[in-house]
Amino acid sequence: MQELGKMLVWIGLVILGTGVVLWSGFGRDWLGKLPGDLRIERGEFSFHFPIVTCLVISLVLTLLAWMLRR
């Protein structure tokens, strides 16, 4: 049960840190606008798919999870 408590504390700290970073406005200018992110605008229709941004976020979270397991 003690290991579960430690894991919940770490998850809470990661969520808190992510919230503080996003609240501060970090990445507002570049997040979702990386080269390779798809953005199609035609008339009143617009489609936005941030594929490269998703890959970068996935890579960062994977590395973070790998480091926390060690």
N, C-alpha and C. Protein backbone atom coordinates (compact mmCIF):
# COMPACT_ATOMS: atom_id res chain seq x y z
N MET A 1 0.82 -1.18 0.00
CA MET A 1 0.00 0.00 0.00
C MET A 1 0.87 1.26 0.00
N GLN A 2 2.04 1.17 0.59
CA GLN A 2 2.93 2.32 0.66
C GLN A 2 3.43 2.72 -0.74
N GLU A 3 3.68 1.73 -1.60
CA GLU A 3 4.13 2.02 -2.97
C GLU A 3 3.04 2.74 -3.76
N LEU A 4 1.79 2.37 -3.54
CA LEU A 4 0.68 3.04 -4.22
C LEU A 4 0.61 4.51 -3.81
N GLY A 5 0.83 4.78 -2.54
CA GLY A 5 0.84 6.16 -2.07
C GLY A 5 1.94 6.99 -2.70
N LYS A 6 3.12 6.41 -2.81
CA LYS A 6 4.24 7.12 -3.45
C LYS A 6 3.94 7.41 -4.92
N MET A 7 3.36 6.42 -5.60
CA MET A 7 3.03 6.61 -7.00
C MET A 7 1.98 7.70 -7.18
N LEU A 8 0.99 7.74 -6.31
CA LEU A 8 -0.05 8.77 -6.40
C LEU A 8 0.52 10.16 -6.14
N VAL A 9 1.47 10.25 -5.21
CA VAL A 9 2.11 11.54 -4.95
C VAL A 9 2.89 12.00 -6.18
N TRP A 10 3.64 11.10 -6.82
CA TRP A 10 4.40 11.46 -8.02
C TRP A 10 3.48 11.87 -9.16
N ILE A 11 2.39 11.13 -9.34
CA ILE A 11 1.44 11.48 -10.40
C ILE A 11 0.84 12.86 -10.12
N GLY A 12 0.52 13.13 -8.87
CA GLY A 12 -0.02 14.44 -8.51
C GLY A 12 0.97 15.56 -8.76
N LEU A 13 2.24 15.33 -8.46
CA LEU A 13 3.26 16.35 -8.70
C LEU A 13 3.46 16.61 -10.19
N VAL A 14 3.40 15.55 -11.00
CA VAL A 14 3.53 15.72 -12.45
C VAL A 14 2.34 16.51 -13.00
N ILE A 15 1.14 16.20 -12.54
CA ILE A 15 -0.04 16.93 -12.98
C ILE A 15 0.04 18.38 -12.53
N LEU A 16 0.47 18.63 -11.31
CA LEU A 16 0.62 19.99 -10.82
C LEU A 16 1.65 20.76 -11.63
N GLY A 17 2.79 20.14 -11.90
CA GLY A 17 3.84 20.79 -12.69
C GLY A 17 3.36 21.10 -14.10
N THR A 18 2.66 20.16 -14.71
CA THR A 18 2.12 20.39 -16.06
C THR A 18 1.13 21.54 -16.05
N GLY A 19 0.28 21.59 -15.04
CA GLY A 19 -0.70 22.67 -14.94
C GLY A 19 -0.04 24.02 -14.77
N VAL A 20 0.99 24.10 -13.96
CA VAL A 20 1.70 25.37 -13.75
C VAL A 20 2.38 25.82 -15.04
N VAL A 21 3.00 24.88 -15.75
CA VAL A 21 3.67 25.22 -17.00
C VAL A 21 2.67 25.72 -18.04
N LEU A 22 1.54 25.03 -18.17
CA LEU A 22 0.53 25.45 -19.14
C LEU A 22 -0.13 26.76 -18.74
N TRP A 23 -0.34 26.96 -17.46
CA TRP A 23 -0.97 28.19 -16.96
C TRP A 23 -0.06 29.40 -17.20
N SER A 24 1.25 29.17 -17.15
CA SER A 24 2.20 30.26 -17.35
C SER A 24 2.26 30.72 -18.80
N GLY A 25 1.71 29.94 -19.71
CA GLY A 25 1.72 30.32 -21.12
C GLY A 25 2.87 29.74 -21.90
N PHE A 26 3.62 28.82 -21.32
CA PHE A 26 4.75 28.20 -22.01
C PHE A 26 4.24 27.48 -23.26
N GLY A 27 4.87 27.73 -24.38
CA GLY A 27 4.54 27.05 -25.61
C GLY A 27 3.39 27.66 -26.38
N ARG A 28 2.89 28.77 -25.94
CA ARG A 28 1.74 29.39 -26.58
C ARG A 28 2.04 29.74 -28.04
N ASP A 29 3.25 30.15 -28.33
CA ASP A 29 3.59 30.58 -29.69
C ASP A 29 3.95 29.43 -30.62
N TRP A 30 4.47 28.33 -30.11
CA TRP A 30 4.95 27.27 -30.97
C TRP A 30 4.20 25.96 -30.83
N LEU A 31 3.52 25.74 -29.70
CA LEU A 31 2.84 24.47 -29.47
C LEU A 31 1.67 24.33 -30.44
N GLY A 32 1.69 23.32 -31.27
CA GLY A 32 0.67 23.11 -32.28
C GLY A 32 1.00 23.76 -33.61
N LYS A 33 2.15 24.40 -33.69
CA LYS A 33 2.55 25.08 -34.93
C LYS A 33 3.94 24.62 -35.39
N LEU A 34 4.31 23.41 -35.04
CA LEU A 34 5.61 22.89 -35.44
C LEU A 34 5.59 22.50 -36.91
N PRO A 35 6.76 22.47 -37.56
CA PRO A 35 6.80 21.99 -38.95
C PRO A 35 6.31 20.54 -39.00
N GLY A 36 5.38 20.27 -39.88
CA GLY A 36 4.81 18.93 -39.98
C GLY A 36 3.40 18.86 -39.41
N ASP A 37 2.98 19.84 -38.64
CA ASP A 37 1.60 19.89 -38.17
C ASP A 37 0.71 20.29 -39.34
N LEU A 38 -0.38 19.58 -39.52
CA LEU A 38 -1.25 19.82 -40.66
C LEU A 38 -2.27 20.91 -40.33
N ARG A 39 -2.40 21.86 -41.23
CA ARG A 39 -3.40 22.91 -41.09
C ARG A 39 -3.92 23.23 -42.49
N ILE A 40 -5.21 22.98 -42.69
CA ILE A 40 -5.85 23.20 -43.98
C ILE A 40 -6.97 24.21 -43.76
N GLU A 41 -6.93 25.29 -44.52
CA GLU A 41 -7.97 26.30 -44.45
C GLU A 41 -8.50 26.55 -45.85
N ARG A 42 -9.80 26.36 -46.03
CA ARG A 42 -10.44 26.61 -47.32
C ARG A 42 -11.79 27.27 -47.05
N GLY A 43 -11.87 28.52 -47.37
CA GLY A 43 -13.11 29.25 -47.12
C GLY A 43 -13.40 29.33 -45.63
N GLU A 44 -14.57 28.85 -45.25
CA GLU A 44 -14.95 28.85 -43.83
C GLU A 44 -14.59 27.56 -43.12
N PHE A 45 -14.00 26.62 -43.85
CA PHE A 45 -13.60 25.33 -43.28
C PHE A 45 -12.13 25.37 -42.89
N SER A 46 -11.83 24.90 -41.70
CA SER A 46 -10.43 24.76 -41.29
C SER A 46 -10.25 23.44 -40.56
N PHE A 47 -9.14 22.79 -40.85
CA PHE A 47 -8.80 21.51 -40.23
C PHE A 47 -7.39 21.63 -39.69
N HIS A 48 -7.21 21.26 -38.43
CA HIS A 48 -5.90 21.35 -37.78
C HIS A 48 -5.61 20.03 -37.10
N PHE A 49 -4.49 19.40 -37.47
CA PHE A 49 -4.06 18.17 -36.84
C PHE A 49 -2.58 18.29 -36.49
N PRO A 50 -2.28 18.49 -35.20
CA PRO A 50 -0.89 18.71 -34.77
C PRO A 50 -0.13 17.40 -34.58
N ILE A 51 0.15 16.69 -35.66
CA ILE A 51 0.77 15.37 -35.57
C ILE A 51 2.18 15.42 -35.00
N VAL A 52 2.99 16.37 -35.40
CA VAL A 52 4.36 16.46 -34.89
C VAL A 52 4.36 16.88 -33.42
N THR A 53 3.47 17.79 -33.05
CA THR A 53 3.34 18.18 -31.66
C THR A 53 2.96 16.98 -30.80
N CYS A 54 2.04 16.15 -31.29
CA CYS A 54 1.65 14.94 -30.55
C CYS A 54 2.83 13.99 -30.40
N LEU A 55 3.63 13.85 -31.45
CA LEU A 55 4.81 12.98 -31.37
C LEU A 55 5.83 13.49 -30.37
N VAL A 56 6.05 14.80 -30.34
CA VAL A 56 7.00 15.39 -29.39
C VAL A 56 6.51 15.20 -27.96
N ILE A 57 5.23 15.45 -27.71
CA ILE A 57 4.68 15.27 -26.37
C ILE A 57 4.76 13.81 -25.96
N SER A 58 4.46 12.89 -26.87
CA SER A 58 4.56 11.46 -26.58
C SER A 58 5.99 11.06 -26.24
N LEU A 59 6.95 11.57 -26.97
CA LEU A 59 8.36 11.27 -26.71
C LEU A 59 8.78 11.78 -25.33
N VAL A 60 8.39 12.99 -25.00
CA VAL A 60 8.74 13.57 -23.70
C VAL A 60 8.11 12.77 -22.56
N LEU A 61 6.83 12.41 -22.69
CA LEU A 61 6.17 11.63 -21.65
C LEU A 61 6.76 10.22 -21.53
N THR A 62 7.14 9.63 -22.66
CA THR A 62 7.77 8.31 -22.62
C THR A 62 9.11 8.37 -21.90
N LEU A 63 9.91 9.37 -22.22
CA LEU A 63 11.21 9.52 -21.54
C LEU A 63 11.03 9.78 -20.05
N LEU A 64 10.04 10.58 -19.69
CA LEU A 64 9.76 10.86 -18.28
C LEU A 64 9.35 9.60 -17.55
N ALA A 65 8.47 8.81 -18.16
CA ALA A 65 8.03 7.56 -17.53
C ALA A 65 9.19 6.58 -17.40
N TRP A 66 10.05 6.53 -18.41
CA TRP A 66 11.21 5.65 -18.35
C TRP A 66 12.16 6.05 -17.23
N MET A 67 12.36 7.36 -17.07
CA MET A 67 13.26 7.84 -16.02
C MET A 67 12.68 7.60 -14.62
N LEU A 68 11.36 7.70 -14.48
CA LEU A 68 10.75 7.49 -13.16
C LEU A 68 10.75 6.02 -12.77
N ARG A 69 10.78 5.12 -13.75
CA ARG A 69 10.81 3.68 -13.45
C ARG A 69 12.17 3.24 -12.93
N ARG A 70 13.21 3.96 -13.27
CA ARG A 70 14.56 3.55 -12.86
C ARG A 70 14.84 3.93 -11.46
